[in-house]
Amino acid sequence: MNKNELNKIREMSDVELTKKLDDLKEDLFNLRFQHAINQLDNPMRLKAVRKEIAVIKTIIRERELKAQA
């Protein structure tokens, strides 16, 4: 993930982040299912989706902590 993508994610609202997080979780589920039945074309996509989920969760948590302070 490059800095442009990270900046785009940081500029999203909380509602947009939550929606994107839900979409990514659904994608991850589908990728895991494809992997289980050996139909996954690009196994590195699993890692990329997990990383993007972690980034979004981190940004959401940063905002929560900033709001508490």
N, C-alpha and C. Protein backbone atom coordinates (compact mmCIF):
# COMPACT_ATOMS: atom_id res chain seq x y z
N MET A 1 0.85 -1.17 0.00
CA MET A 1 0.00 0.00 0.00
C MET A 1 0.90 1.23 0.00
N ASN A 2 0.69 2.10 -0.99
CA ASN A 2 1.55 3.28 -1.07
C ASN A 2 0.91 4.46 -0.33
N LYS A 3 1.62 5.57 -0.28
CA LYS A 3 1.16 6.72 0.50
C LYS A 3 -0.10 7.35 -0.08
N ASN A 4 -0.27 7.30 -1.40
CA ASN A 4 -1.49 7.86 -1.99
C ASN A 4 -2.73 7.10 -1.51
N GLU A 5 -2.64 5.78 -1.52
CA GLU A 5 -3.76 4.97 -1.06
C GLU A 5 -4.03 5.21 0.42
N LEU A 6 -2.98 5.33 1.20
CA LEU A 6 -3.13 5.58 2.63
C LEU A 6 -3.77 6.94 2.87
N ASN A 7 -3.36 7.95 2.12
CA ASN A 7 -3.96 9.28 2.27
C ASN A 7 -5.43 9.26 1.88
N LYS A 8 -5.79 8.51 0.84
CA LYS A 8 -7.19 8.40 0.44
C LYS A 8 -8.02 7.78 1.56
N ILE A 9 -7.47 6.76 2.19
CA ILE A 9 -8.18 6.10 3.29
C ILE A 9 -8.32 7.05 4.47
N ARG A 10 -7.27 7.79 4.78
CA ARG A 10 -7.34 8.73 5.90
C ARG A 10 -8.35 9.85 5.65
N GLU A 11 -8.60 10.21 4.40
CA GLU A 11 -9.55 11.28 4.07
C GLU A 11 -10.99 10.80 4.11
N MET A 12 -11.22 9.50 4.19
CA MET A 12 -12.58 8.97 4.22
C MET A 12 -13.25 9.31 5.55
N SER A 13 -14.58 9.41 5.50
CA SER A 13 -15.34 9.63 6.73
C SER A 13 -15.45 8.31 7.49
N ASP A 14 -15.95 8.40 8.72
CA ASP A 14 -16.10 7.19 9.53
C ASP A 14 -17.09 6.22 8.91
N VAL A 15 -18.15 6.75 8.32
CA VAL A 15 -19.16 5.90 7.69
C VAL A 15 -18.55 5.17 6.49
N GLU A 16 -17.78 5.90 5.68
CA GLU A 16 -17.14 5.29 4.52
C GLU A 16 -16.14 4.22 4.94
N LEU A 17 -15.39 4.49 6.02
CA LEU A 17 -14.43 3.50 6.51
C LEU A 17 -15.13 2.23 6.98
N THR A 18 -16.22 2.40 7.68
CA THR A 18 -16.97 1.24 8.16
C THR A 18 -17.52 0.43 6.98
N LYS A 19 -18.03 1.11 5.97
CA LYS A 19 -18.55 0.42 4.78
C LYS A 19 -17.43 -0.32 4.06
N LYS A 20 -16.28 0.33 3.90
CA LYS A 20 -15.14 -0.31 3.23
C LYS A 20 -14.65 -1.51 4.03
N LEU A 21 -14.63 -1.38 5.35
CA LEU A 21 -14.21 -2.48 6.21
C LEU A 21 -15.15 -3.68 6.04
N ASP A 22 -16.44 -3.43 6.00
CA ASP A 22 -17.40 -4.51 5.80
C ASP A 22 -17.19 -5.19 4.44
N ASP A 23 -16.97 -4.37 3.40
CA ASP A 23 -16.73 -4.92 2.06
C ASP A 23 -15.47 -5.78 2.02
N LEU A 24 -14.41 -5.30 2.68
CA LEU A 24 -13.16 -6.05 2.70
C LEU A 24 -13.30 -7.37 3.46
N LYS A 25 -14.06 -7.34 4.54
CA LYS A 25 -14.28 -8.58 5.30
C LYS A 25 -15.04 -9.60 4.46
N GLU A 26 -16.00 -9.11 3.68
CA GLU A 26 -16.73 -10.01 2.79
C GLU A 26 -15.81 -10.56 1.70
N ASP A 27 -14.95 -9.69 1.14
CA ASP A 27 -13.98 -10.14 0.15
C ASP A 27 -13.05 -11.21 0.73
N LEU A 28 -12.59 -10.98 1.96
CA LEU A 28 -11.69 -11.93 2.60
C LEU A 28 -12.37 -13.27 2.79
N PHE A 29 -13.64 -13.25 3.18
CA PHE A 29 -14.39 -14.50 3.33
C PHE A 29 -14.44 -15.25 2.01
N ASN A 30 -14.76 -14.52 0.93
CA ASN A 30 -14.85 -15.14 -0.38
C ASN A 30 -13.50 -15.68 -0.85
N LEU A 31 -12.44 -14.94 -0.57
CA LEU A 31 -11.10 -15.40 -0.95
C LEU A 31 -10.71 -16.66 -0.19
N ARG A 32 -11.04 -16.70 1.09
CA ARG A 32 -10.74 -17.90 1.89
C ARG A 32 -11.51 -19.11 1.37
N PHE A 33 -12.75 -18.87 0.99
CA PHE A 33 -13.56 -19.96 0.44
C PHE A 33 -12.95 -20.46 -0.87
N GLN A 34 -12.57 -19.55 -1.75
CA GLN A 34 -11.94 -19.94 -3.01
C GLN A 34 -10.64 -20.69 -2.77
N HIS A 35 -9.89 -20.24 -1.78
CA HIS A 35 -8.63 -20.90 -1.44
C HIS A 35 -8.87 -22.33 -0.95
N ALA A 36 -9.93 -22.50 -0.19
CA ALA A 36 -10.24 -23.82 0.36
C ALA A 36 -10.60 -24.83 -0.73
N ILE A 37 -11.21 -24.37 -1.80
CA ILE A 37 -11.59 -25.29 -2.87
C ILE A 37 -10.66 -25.18 -4.07
N ASN A 38 -9.49 -24.62 -3.84
CA ASN A 38 -8.42 -24.53 -4.84
C ASN A 38 -8.82 -23.80 -6.12
N GLN A 39 -9.56 -22.72 -6.00
CA GLN A 39 -9.93 -21.93 -7.16
C GLN A 39 -9.35 -20.51 -7.09
N LEU A 40 -8.48 -20.28 -6.14
CA LEU A 40 -7.92 -18.94 -5.96
C LEU A 40 -6.78 -18.73 -6.94
N ASP A 41 -6.89 -17.69 -7.78
CA ASP A 41 -5.88 -17.41 -8.79
C ASP A 41 -4.64 -16.76 -8.19
N ASN A 42 -4.84 -15.81 -7.28
CA ASN A 42 -3.72 -15.06 -6.72
C ASN A 42 -3.75 -15.15 -5.20
N PRO A 43 -2.97 -16.07 -4.61
CA PRO A 43 -2.99 -16.23 -3.16
C PRO A 43 -2.46 -15.01 -2.40
N MET A 44 -1.68 -14.16 -3.05
CA MET A 44 -1.17 -12.97 -2.38
C MET A 44 -2.28 -11.95 -2.12
N ARG A 45 -3.39 -12.11 -2.79
CA ARG A 45 -4.54 -11.22 -2.57
C ARG A 45 -5.06 -11.36 -1.14
N LEU A 46 -4.97 -12.56 -0.57
CA LEU A 46 -5.37 -12.77 0.82
C LEU A 46 -4.58 -11.86 1.75
N LYS A 47 -3.29 -11.84 1.56
CA LYS A 47 -2.41 -11.03 2.40
C LYS A 47 -2.72 -9.54 2.23
N ALA A 48 -2.95 -9.11 1.01
CA ALA A 48 -3.21 -7.70 0.74
C ALA A 48 -4.53 -7.25 1.38
N VAL A 49 -5.54 -8.10 1.32
CA VAL A 49 -6.83 -7.74 1.91
C VAL A 49 -6.72 -7.69 3.43
N ARG A 50 -6.02 -8.66 4.02
CA ARG A 50 -5.83 -8.64 5.47
C ARG A 50 -5.08 -7.38 5.91
N LYS A 51 -4.08 -6.98 5.13
CA LYS A 51 -3.31 -5.79 5.47
C LYS A 51 -4.18 -4.54 5.37
N GLU A 52 -5.00 -4.46 4.35
CA GLU A 52 -5.87 -3.30 4.19
C GLU A 52 -6.89 -3.22 5.32
N ILE A 53 -7.40 -4.37 5.75
CA ILE A 53 -8.31 -4.40 6.90
C ILE A 53 -7.60 -3.87 8.14
N ALA A 54 -6.38 -4.27 8.35
CA ALA A 54 -5.61 -3.82 9.51
C ALA A 54 -5.38 -2.31 9.46
N VAL A 55 -5.09 -1.78 8.29
CA VAL A 55 -4.86 -0.34 8.15
C VAL A 55 -6.14 0.42 8.50
N ILE A 56 -7.26 -0.03 7.98
CA ILE A 56 -8.53 0.66 8.25
C ILE A 56 -8.88 0.59 9.73
N LYS A 57 -8.69 -0.57 10.34
CA LYS A 57 -8.97 -0.70 11.77
C LYS A 57 -8.06 0.22 12.59
N THR A 58 -6.81 0.36 12.17
CA THR A 58 -5.88 1.23 12.87
C THR A 58 -6.33 2.68 12.78
N ILE A 59 -6.75 3.11 11.61
CA ILE A 59 -7.19 4.49 11.43
C ILE A 59 -8.45 4.76 12.26
N ILE A 60 -9.38 3.79 12.27
CA ILE A 60 -10.59 3.95 13.08
C ILE A 60 -10.22 4.08 14.56
N ARG A 61 -9.29 3.27 15.01
CA ARG A 61 -8.87 3.32 16.42
C ARG A 61 -8.17 4.63 16.74
N GLU A 62 -7.33 5.14 15.83
CA GLU A 62 -6.68 6.43 16.04
C GLU A 62 -7.71 7.53 16.22
N ARG A 63 -8.76 7.49 15.40
CA ARG A 63 -9.81 8.50 15.51
C ARG A 63 -10.57 8.39 16.83
N GLU A 64 -10.80 7.16 17.28
CA GLU A 64 -11.47 6.97 18.56
C GLU A 64 -10.64 7.55 19.70
N LEU A 65 -9.34 7.29 19.67
CA LEU A 65 -8.47 7.80 20.73
C LEU A 65 -8.37 9.33 20.69
N LYS A 66 -8.35 9.88 19.48
CA LYS A 66 -8.29 11.33 19.34
C LYS A 66 -9.57 11.97 19.86
N ALA A 67 -10.69 11.32 19.64
CA ALA A 67 -11.98 11.85 20.11
C ALA A 67 -12.07 11.81 21.62
N GLN A 68 -11.45 10.81 22.24
CA GLN A 68 -11.49 10.71 23.71
C GLN A 68 -10.62 11.76 24.38
N ALA A 69 -9.55 12.15 23.72
CA ALA A 69 -8.61 13.09 24.32
C ALA A 69 -9.11 14.52 24.33
